[in-house]
Amino acid sequence: MDLTQIVLLSIIIILSIFLVILGVQLYFVLRDLRLSLKRMNHFFDEANQLVDEVKKPIAKAGTLVTALTTGAGIVNILKGFKERKKNE
């Protein structure tokens, strides 16, 4: 083998070693990224559950206010009928 082939072979071997090391490092980075994404997903699920728990009483309070408003409207209508009967 002449000098050019030896240099090319050594460069190919060195680049192959670097690519293997880079591949292993990339594997570890992607594994850590996957674990981080799982933790974030768990965090978002818990936050969603918390929001749902807070939303339930607020929705019930809104329903109560709507019911009271409707009741007040019905009372006003009945008072109007009562006043009309008195005037007649």
PDB file of N, CA and C in Angstrom:
ATOM      1  N   MET A   1       0.846  -1.181   0.000  1.00  0.00           N
ATOM      2  CA  MET A   1       0.000   0.000   0.000  1.00  0.00           C
ATOM      3  C   MET A   1       0.887   1.238   0.000  1.00  0.00           C
ATOM      4  N   ASP A   2       0.496   2.177  -0.787  1.00  0.00           N
ATOM      5  CA  ASP A   2       1.281   3.407  -0.823  1.00  0.00           C
ATOM      6  C   ASP A   2       0.759   4.386   0.232  1.00  0.00           C
ATOM      7  N   LEU A   3       1.399   5.505   0.332  1.00  0.00           N
ATOM      8  CA  LEU A   3       1.125   6.492   1.378  1.00  0.00           C
ATOM      9  C   LEU A   3      -0.295   7.066   1.283  1.00  0.00           C
ATOM     10  N   THR A   4      -0.811   7.283   0.095  1.00  0.00           N
ATOM     11  CA  THR A   4      -2.145   7.855  -0.086  1.00  0.00           C
ATOM     12  C   THR A   4      -3.224   6.914   0.463  1.00  0.00           C
ATOM     13  N   GLN A   5      -3.086   5.647   0.196  1.00  0.00           N
ATOM     14  CA  GLN A   5      -4.064   4.684   0.683  1.00  0.00           C
ATOM     15  C   GLN A   5      -4.032   4.592   2.211  1.00  0.00           C
ATOM     16  N   ILE A   6      -2.836   4.646   2.774  1.00  0.00           N
ATOM     17  CA  ILE A   6      -2.702   4.585   4.229  1.00  0.00           C
ATOM     18  C   ILE A   6      -3.349   5.814   4.862  1.00  0.00           C
ATOM     19  N   VAL A   7      -3.124   6.985   4.309  1.00  0.00           N
ATOM     20  CA  VAL A   7      -3.721   8.216   4.831  1.00  0.00           C
ATOM     21  C   VAL A   7      -5.247   8.151   4.709  1.00  0.00           C
ATOM     22  N   LEU A   8      -5.768   7.730   3.567  1.00  0.00           N
ATOM     23  CA  LEU A   8      -7.210   7.624   3.374  1.00  0.00           C
ATOM     24  C   LEU A   8      -7.824   6.600   4.330  1.00  0.00           C
ATOM     25  N   LEU A   9      -7.162   5.468   4.508  1.00  0.00           N
ATOM     26  CA  LEU A   9      -7.666   4.449   5.416  1.00  0.00           C
ATOM     27  C   LEU A   9      -7.680   4.950   6.853  1.00  0.00           C
ATOM     28  N   SER A  10      -6.646   5.661   7.252  1.00  0.00           N
ATOM     29  CA  SER A  10      -6.602   6.184   8.625  1.00  0.00           C
ATOM     30  C   SER A  10      -7.670   7.263   8.830  1.00  0.00           C
ATOM     31  N   ILE A  11      -7.898   8.096   7.826  1.00  0.00           N
ATOM     32  CA  ILE A  11      -8.945   9.120   7.929  1.00  0.00           C
ATOM     33  C   ILE A  11     -10.323   8.466   8.014  1.00  0.00           C
ATOM     34  N   ILE A  12     -10.558   7.434   7.230  1.00  0.00           N
ATOM     35  CA  ILE A  12     -11.842   6.723   7.276  1.00  0.00           C
ATOM     36  C   ILE A  12     -12.052   6.088   8.642  1.00  0.00           C
ATOM     37  N   ILE A  13     -11.014   5.498   9.198  1.00  0.00           N
ATOM     38  CA  ILE A  13     -11.123   4.874  10.524  1.00  0.00           C
ATOM     39  C   ILE A  13     -11.401   5.927  11.590  1.00  0.00           C
ATOM     40  N   ILE A  14     -10.689   7.042  11.553  1.00  0.00           N
ATOM     41  CA  ILE A  14     -10.898   8.108  12.541  1.00  0.00           C
ATOM     42  C   ILE A  14     -12.311   8.685  12.425  1.00  0.00           C
ATOM     43  N   LEU A  15     -12.763   8.935  11.203  1.00  0.00           N
ATOM     44  CA  LEU A  15     -14.122   9.464  11.013  1.00  0.00           C
ATOM     45  C   LEU A  15     -15.180   8.462  11.459  1.00  0.00           C
ATOM     46  N   SER A  16     -14.938   7.188  11.219  1.00  0.00           N
ATOM     47  CA  SER A  16     -15.885   6.161  11.673  1.00  0.00           C
ATOM     48  C   SER A  16     -15.973   6.136  13.187  1.00  0.00           C
ATOM     49  N   ILE A  17     -14.839   6.263  13.863  1.00  0.00           N
ATOM     50  CA  ILE A  17     -14.833   6.293  15.332  1.00  0.00           C
ATOM     51  C   ILE A  17     -15.595   7.511  15.832  1.00  0.00           C
ATOM     52  N   PHE A  18     -15.361   8.667  15.218  1.00  0.00           N
ATOM     53  CA  PHE A  18     -16.086   9.882  15.622  1.00  0.00           C
ATOM     54  C   PHE A  18     -17.586   9.731  15.390  1.00  0.00           C
ATOM     55  N   LEU A  19     -17.976   9.127  14.273  1.00  0.00           N
ATOM     56  CA  LEU A  19     -19.399   8.945  13.999  1.00  0.00           C
ATOM     57  C   LEU A  19     -20.043   7.984  14.992  1.00  0.00           C
ATOM     58  N   VAL A  20     -19.330   6.947  15.400  1.00  0.00           N
ATOM     59  CA  VAL A  20     -19.873   6.026  16.404  1.00  0.00           C
ATOM     60  C   VAL A  20     -20.048   6.748  17.729  1.00  0.00           C
ATOM     61  N   ILE A  21     -19.041   7.538  18.134  1.00  0.00           N
ATOM     62  CA  ILE A  21     -19.140   8.306  19.381  1.00  0.00           C
ATOM     63  C   ILE A  21     -20.287   9.300  19.295  1.00  0.00           C
ATOM     64  N   LEU A  22     -20.426   9.975  18.169  1.00  0.00           N
ATOM     65  CA  LEU A  22     -21.514  10.924  17.974  1.00  0.00           C
ATOM     66  C   LEU A  22     -22.868  10.222  18.026  1.00  0.00           C
ATOM     67  N   GLY A  23     -22.973   9.044  17.452  1.00  0.00           N
ATOM     68  CA  GLY A  23     -24.218   8.288  17.493  1.00  0.00           C
ATOM     69  C   GLY A  23     -24.595   7.890  18.909  1.00  0.00           C
ATOM     70  N   VAL A  24     -23.617   7.474  19.711  1.00  0.00           N
ATOM     71  CA  VAL A  24     -23.887   7.103  21.098  1.00  0.00           C
ATOM     72  C   VAL A  24     -24.344   8.327  21.888  1.00  0.00           C
ATOM     73  N   GLN A  25     -23.672   9.446  21.704  1.00  0.00           N
ATOM     74  CA  GLN A  25     -24.068  10.671  22.391  1.00  0.00           C
ATOM     75  C   GLN A  25     -25.468  11.112  21.966  1.00  0.00           C
ATOM     76  N   LEU A  26     -25.767  10.996  20.696  1.00  0.00           N
ATOM     77  CA  LEU A  26     -27.101  11.351  20.203  1.00  0.00           C
ATOM     78  C   LEU A  26     -28.161  10.453  20.827  1.00  0.00           C
ATOM     79  N   TYR A  27     -27.852   9.179  20.983  1.00  0.00           N
ATOM     80  CA  TYR A  27     -28.782   8.255  21.638  1.00  0.00           C
ATOM     81  C   TYR A  27     -29.071   8.717  23.062  1.00  0.00           C
ATOM     82  N   PHE A  28     -28.048   9.084  23.816  1.00  0.00           N
ATOM     83  CA  PHE A  28     -28.248   9.521  25.192  1.00  0.00           C
ATOM     84  C   PHE A  28     -29.037  10.833  25.265  1.00  0.00           C
ATOM     85  N   VAL A  29     -28.758  11.739  24.351  1.00  0.00           N
ATOM     86  CA  VAL A  29     -29.496  13.012  24.330  1.00  0.00           C
ATOM     87  C   VAL A  29     -30.967  12.763  24.023  1.00  0.00           C
ATOM     88  N   LEU A  30     -31.250  11.927  23.037  1.00  0.00           N
ATOM     89  CA  LEU A  30     -32.645  11.644  22.685  1.00  0.00           C
ATOM     90  C   LEU A  30     -33.359  10.892  23.810  1.00  0.00           C
ATOM     91  N   ARG A  31     -32.650  10.020  24.523  1.00  0.00           N
ATOM     92  CA  ARG A  31     -33.251   9.318  25.654  1.00  0.00           C
ATOM     93  C   ARG A  31     -33.614  10.302  26.766  1.00  0.00           C
ATOM     94  N   ASP A  32     -32.689  11.245  27.054  1.00  0.00           N
ATOM     95  CA  ASP A  32     -32.979  12.260  28.070  1.00  0.00           C
ATOM     96  C   ASP A  32     -34.130  13.172  27.635  1.00  0.00           C
ATOM     97  N   LEU A  33     -34.179  13.496  26.364  1.00  0.00           N
ATOM     98  CA  LEU A  33     -35.270  14.313  25.839  1.00  0.00           C
ATOM     99  C   LEU A  33     -36.606  13.596  26.000  1.00  0.00           C
ATOM    100  N   ARG A  34     -36.625  12.302  25.736  1.00  0.00           N
ATOM    101  CA  ARG A  34     -37.851  11.526  25.887  1.00  0.00           C
ATOM    102  C   ARG A  34     -38.307  11.520  27.340  1.00  0.00           C
ATOM    103  N   LEU A  35     -37.373  11.341  28.274  1.00  0.00           N
ATOM    104  CA  LEU A  35     -37.729  11.363  29.695  1.00  0.00           C
ATOM    105  C   LEU A  35     -38.252  12.735  30.114  1.00  0.00           C
ATOM    106  N   SER A  36     -37.621  13.787  29.606  1.00  0.00           N
ATOM    107  CA  SER A  36     -38.081  15.140  29.925  1.00  0.00           C
ATOM    108  C   SER A  36     -39.486  15.385  29.378  1.00  0.00           C
ATOM    109  N   LEU A  37     -39.747  14.914  28.180  1.00  0.00           N
ATOM    110  CA  LEU A  37     -41.081  15.081  27.592  1.00  0.00           C
ATOM    111  C   LEU A  37     -42.129  14.288  28.367  1.00  0.00           C
ATOM    112  N   LYS A  38     -41.759  13.116  28.877  1.00  0.00           N
ATOM    113  CA  LYS A  38     -42.696  12.347  29.701  1.00  0.00           C
ATOM    114  C   LYS A  38     -43.024  13.110  30.979  1.00  0.00           C
ATOM    115  N   ARG A  39     -42.006  13.706  31.596  1.00  0.00           N
ATOM    116  CA  ARG A  39     -42.240  14.478  32.821  1.00  0.00           C
ATOM    117  C   ARG A  39     -43.117  15.690  32.545  1.00  0.00           C
ATOM    118  N   MET A  40     -42.854  16.378  31.432  1.00  0.00           N
ATOM    119  CA  MET A  40     -43.683  17.537  31.084  1.00  0.00           C
ATOM    120  C   MET A  40     -45.122  17.111  30.811  1.00  0.00           C
ATOM    121  N   ASN A  41     -45.303  15.981  30.141  1.00  0.00           N
ATOM    122  CA  ASN A  41     -46.651  15.484  29.866  1.00  0.00           C
ATOM    123  C   ASN A  41     -47.371  15.166  31.169  1.00  0.00           C
ATOM    124  N   HIS A  42     -46.669  14.563  32.110  1.00  0.00           N
ATOM    125  CA  HIS A  42     -47.258  14.273  33.417  1.00  0.00           C
ATOM    126  C   HIS A  42     -47.635  15.574  34.134  1.00  0.00           C
ATOM    127  N   PHE A  43     -46.754  16.560  34.060  1.00  0.00           N
ATOM    128  CA  PHE A  43     -47.024  17.864  34.673  1.00  0.00           C
ATOM    129  C   PHE A  43     -48.258  18.512  34.052  1.00  0.00           C
ATOM    130  N   PHE A  44     -48.368  18.475  32.730  1.00  0.00           N
ATOM    131  CA  PHE A  44     -49.524  19.074  32.058  1.00  0.00           C
ATOM    132  C   PHE A  44     -50.805  18.315  32.384  1.00  0.00           C
ATOM    133  N   ASP A  45     -50.727  16.995  32.536  1.00  0.00           N
ATOM    134  CA  ASP A  45     -51.910  16.227  32.928  1.00  0.00           C
ATOM    135  C   ASP A  45     -52.382  16.635  34.319  1.00  0.00           C
ATOM    136  N   GLU A  46     -51.447  16.799  35.247  1.00  0.00           N
ATOM    137  CA  GLU A  46     -51.818  17.231  36.592  1.00  0.00           C
ATOM    138  C   GLU A  46     -52.398  18.649  36.582  1.00  0.00           C
ATOM    139  N   ALA A  47     -51.816  19.528  35.779  1.00  0.00           N
ATOM    140  CA  ALA A  47     -52.336  20.895  35.675  1.00  0.00           C
ATOM    141  C   ALA A  47     -53.743  20.890  35.086  1.00  0.00           C
ATOM    142  N   ASN A  48     -53.978  20.021  34.118  1.00  0.00           N
ATOM    143  CA  ASN A  48     -55.313  19.920  33.517  1.00  0.00           C
ATOM    144  C   ASN A  48     -56.330  19.421  34.534  1.00  0.00           C
ATOM    145  N   GLN A  49     -55.940  18.453  35.353  1.00  0.00           N
ATOM    146  CA  GLN A  49     -56.834  17.965  36.400  1.00  0.00           C
ATOM    147  C   GLN A  49     -57.134  19.069  37.411  1.00  0.00           C
ATOM    148  N   LEU A  50     -56.120  19.855  37.759  1.00  0.00           N
ATOM    149  CA  LEU A  50     -56.315  20.957  38.699  1.00  0.00           C
ATOM    150  C   LEU A  50     -57.280  21.996  38.133  1.00  0.00           C
ATOM    151  N   VAL A  51     -57.117  22.325  36.873  1.00  0.00           N
ATOM    152  CA  VAL A  51     -58.012  23.289  36.229  1.00  0.00           C
ATOM    153  C   VAL A  51     -59.441  22.747  36.203  1.00  0.00           C
ATOM    154  N   ASP A  52     -59.590  21.446  35.932  1.00  0.00           N
ATOM    155  CA  ASP A  52     -60.930  20.856  35.926  1.00  0.00           C
ATOM    156  C   ASP A  52     -61.566  20.927  37.319  1.00  0.00           C
ATOM    157  N   GLU A  53     -60.765  20.689  38.349  1.00  0.00           N
ATOM    158  CA  GLU A  53     -61.296  20.752  39.711  1.00  0.00           C
ATOM    159  C   GLU A  53     -61.697  22.173  40.098  1.00  0.00           C
ATOM    160  N   VAL A  54     -60.975  23.160  39.606  1.00  0.00           N
ATOM    161  CA  VAL A  54     -61.308  24.560  39.900  1.00  0.00           C
ATOM    162  C   VAL A  54     -62.518  24.992  39.082  1.00  0.00           C
ATOM    163  N   LYS A  55     -62.635  24.450  37.876  1.00  0.00           N
ATOM    164  CA  LYS A  55     -63.705  24.855  36.967  1.00  0.00           C
ATOM    165  C   LYS A  55     -65.079  24.361  37.438  1.00  0.00           C
ATOM    166  N   LYS A  56     -65.141  23.216  38.091  1.00  0.00           N
ATOM    167  CA  LYS A  56     -66.430  22.655  38.510  1.00  0.00           C
ATOM    168  C   LYS A  56     -67.192  23.582  39.454  1.00  0.00           C
ATOM    169  N   PRO A  57     -66.585  24.064  40.558  1.00  0.00           N
ATOM    170  CA  PRO A  57     -67.350  24.965  41.441  1.00  0.00           C
ATOM    171  C   PRO A  57     -67.742  26.277  40.774  1.00  0.00           C
ATOM    172  N   ILE A  58     -66.886  26.773  39.892  1.00  0.00           N
ATOM    173  CA  ILE A  58     -67.207  28.026  39.202  1.00  0.00           C
ATOM    174  C   ILE A  58     -68.421  27.824  38.297  1.00  0.00           C
ATOM    175  N   ALA A  59     -68.484  26.694  37.618  1.00  0.00           N
ATOM    176  CA  ALA A  59     -69.630  26.404  36.754  1.00  0.00           C
ATOM    177  C   ALA A  59     -70.894  26.257  37.588  1.00  0.00           C
ATOM    178  N   LYS A  60     -70.770  25.610  38.750  1.00  0.00           N
ATOM    179  CA  LYS A  60     -71.941  25.462  39.620  1.00  0.00           C
ATOM    180  C   LYS A  60     -72.408  26.818  40.145  1.00  0.00           C
ATOM    181  N   ALA A  61     -71.465  27.700  40.479  1.00  0.00           N
ATOM    182  CA  ALA A  61     -71.835  29.042  40.937  1.00  0.00           C
ATOM    183  C   ALA A  61     -72.534  29.808  39.817  1.00  0.00           C
ATOM    184  N   GLY A  62     -72.059  29.653  38.604  1.00  0.00           N
ATOM    185  CA  GLY A  62     -72.718  30.302  37.462  1.00  0.00           C
ATOM    186  C   GLY A  62     -74.130  29.793  37.273  1.00  0.00           C
ATOM    187  N   THR A  63     -74.320  28.499  37.460  1.00  0.00           N
ATOM    188  CA  THR A  63     -75.662  27.925  37.359  1.00  0.00           C
ATOM    189  C   THR A  63     -76.564  28.470  38.462  1.00  0.00           C
ATOM    190  N   LEU A  64     -76.006  28.609  39.666  1.00  0.00           N
ATOM    191  CA  LEU A  64     -76.781  29.154  40.780  1.00  0.00           C
ATOM    192  C   LEU A  64     -77.206  30.591  40.496  1.00  0.00           C
ATOM    193  N   VAL A  65     -76.286  31.401  39.979  1.00  0.00           N
ATOM    194  CA  VAL A  65     -76.618  32.796  39.666  1.00  0.00           C
ATOM    195  C   VAL A  65     -77.689  32.854  38.587  1.00  0.00           C
ATOM    196  N   THR A  66     -77.583  31.996  37.594  1.00  0.00           N
ATOM    197  CA  THR A  66     -78.598  31.963  36.537  1.00  0.00           C
ATOM    198  C   THR A  66     -79.958  31.568  37.105  1.00  0.00           C
ATOM    199  N   ALA A  67     -79.952  30.588  38.004  1.00  0.00           N
ATOM    200  CA  ALA A  67     -81.213  30.157  38.619  1.00  0.00           C
ATOM    201  C   ALA A  67     -81.820  31.283  39.451  1.00  0.00           C
ATOM    202  N   LEU A  68     -80.998  32.002  40.205  1.00  0.00           N
ATOM    203  CA  LEU A  68     -81.503  33.120  41.011  1.00  0.00           C
ATOM    204  C   LEU A  68     -82.056  34.229  40.132  1.00  0.00           C
ATOM    205  N   THR A  69     -81.383  34.514  39.040  1.00  0.00           N
ATOM    206  CA  THR A  69     -81.856  35.547  38.114  1.00  0.00           C
ATOM    207  C   THR A  69     -83.195  35.142  37.507  1.00  0.00           C
ATOM    208  N   THR A  70     -83.309  33.892  37.126  1.00  0.00           N
ATOM    209  CA  THR A  70     -84.572  33.404  36.566  1.00  0.00           C
ATOM    210  C   THR A  70     -85.679  33.463  37.610  1.00  0.00           C
ATOM    211  N   GLY A  71     -85.350  33.069  38.836  1.00  0.00           N
ATOM    212  CA  GLY A  71     -86.330  33.134  39.914  1.00  0.00           C
ATOM    213  C   GLY A  71     -86.790  34.551  40.167  1.00  0.00           C
ATOM    214  N   ALA A  72     -85.853  35.509  40.143  1.00  0.00           N
ATOM    215  CA  ALA A  72     -86.212  36.915  40.343  1.00  0.00           C
ATOM    216  C   ALA A  72     -87.108  37.404  39.212  1.00  0.00           C
ATOM    217  N   GLY A  73     -86.856  36.955  38.009  1.00  0.00           N
ATOM    218  CA  GLY A  73     -87.707  37.332  36.881  1.00  0.00           C
ATOM    219  C   GLY A  73     -89.111  36.790  37.035  1.00  0.00           C
ATOM    220  N   ILE A  74     -89.208  35.545  37.496  1.00  0.00           N
ATOM    221  CA  ILE A  74     -90.528  34.943  37.709  1.00  0.00           C
ATOM    222  C   ILE A  74     -91.287  35.692  38.810  1.00  0.00           C
ATOM    223  N   VAL A  75     -90.584  36.065  39.878  1.00  0.00           N
ATOM    224  CA  VAL A  75     -91.219  36.828  40.965  1.00  0.00           C
ATOM    225  C   VAL A  75     -91.730  38.153  40.438  1.00  0.00           C
ATOM    226  N   ASN A  76     -90.955  38.849  39.604  1.00  0.00           N
ATOM    227  CA  ASN A  76     -91.409  40.122  39.029  1.00  0.00           C
ATOM    228  C   ASN A  76     -92.646  39.932  38.160  1.00  0.00           C
ATOM    229  N   ILE A  77     -92.670  38.855  37.397  1.00  0.00           N
ATOM    230  CA  ILE A  77     -93.843  38.584  36.557  1.00  0.00           C
ATOM    231  C   ILE A  77     -95.068  38.341  37.430  1.00  0.00           C
ATOM    232  N   LEU A  78     -94.885  37.547  38.497  1.00  0.00           N
ATOM    233  CA  LEU A  78     -96.023  37.279  39.391  1.00  0.00           C
ATOM    234  C   LEU A  78     -96.495  38.543  40.093  1.00  0.00           C
ATOM    235  N   LYS A  79     -95.560  39.421  40.483  1.00  0.00           N
ATOM    236  CA  LYS A  79     -95.947  40.699  41.100  1.00  0.00           C
ATOM    237  C   LYS A  79     -96.729  41.547  40.101  1.00  0.00           C
ATOM    238  N   GLY A  80     -96.313  41.494  38.844  1.00  0.00           N
ATOM    239  CA  GLY A  80     -97.029  42.243  37.810  1.00  0.00           C
ATOM    240  C   GLY A  80     -98.448  41.735  37.652  1.00  0.00           C
ATOM    241  N   PHE A  81     -98.662  40.419  37.668  1.00  0.00           N
ATOM    242  CA  PHE A  81    -100.008  39.863  37.589  1.00  0.00           C
ATOM    243  C   PHE A  81    -100.836  40.263  38.804  1.00  0.00           C
ATOM    244  N   LYS A  82    -100.200  40.230  39.974  1.00  0.00           N
ATOM    245  CA  LYS A  82    -100.911  40.590  41.208  1.00  0.00           C
ATOM    246  C   LYS A  82    -101.341  42.053  41.169  1.00  0.00           C
ATOM    247  N   GLU A  83    -100.456  42.911  40.676  1.00  0.00           N
ATOM    248  CA  GLU A  83    -100.780  44.342  40.600  1.00  0.00           C
ATOM    249  C   GLU A  83    -101.894  44.583  39.571  1.00  0.00           C
ATOM    250  N   ARG A  84    -101.893  43.832  38.487  1.00  0.00           N
ATOM    251  CA  ARG A  84    -102.933  43.985  37.475  1.00  0.00           C
ATOM    252  C   ARG A  84    -104.280  43.580  38.042  1.00  0.00           C
ATOM    253  N   LYS A  85    -104.290  42.521  38.825  1.00  0.00           N
ATOM    254  CA  LYS A  85    -105.568  42.073  39.415  1.00  0.00           C
ATOM    255  C   LYS A  85    -106.085  43.077  40.414  1.00  0.00           C
ATOM    256  N   LYS A  86    -105.165  43.727  41.152  1.00  0.00           N
ATOM    257  CA  LYS A  86    -105.589  44.762  42.089  1.00  0.00           C
ATOM    258  C   LYS A  86    -106.177  45.957  41.364  1.00  0.00           C
ATOM    259  N   ASN A  87    -105.570  46.322  40.244  1.00  0.00           N
ATOM    260  CA  ASN A  87    -106.025  47.482  39.472  1.00  0.00           C
ATOM    261  C   ASN A  87    -107.355  47.209  38.772  1.00  0.00           C
ATOM    262  N   GLU A  88    -107.640  45.966  38.508  1.00  0.00           N
ATOM    263  CA  GLU A  88    -108.901  45.635  37.809  1.00  0.00           C
ATOM    264  C   GLU A  88    -110.005  45.682  38.756  1.00  0.00           C
TER     265      GLU A  88
END
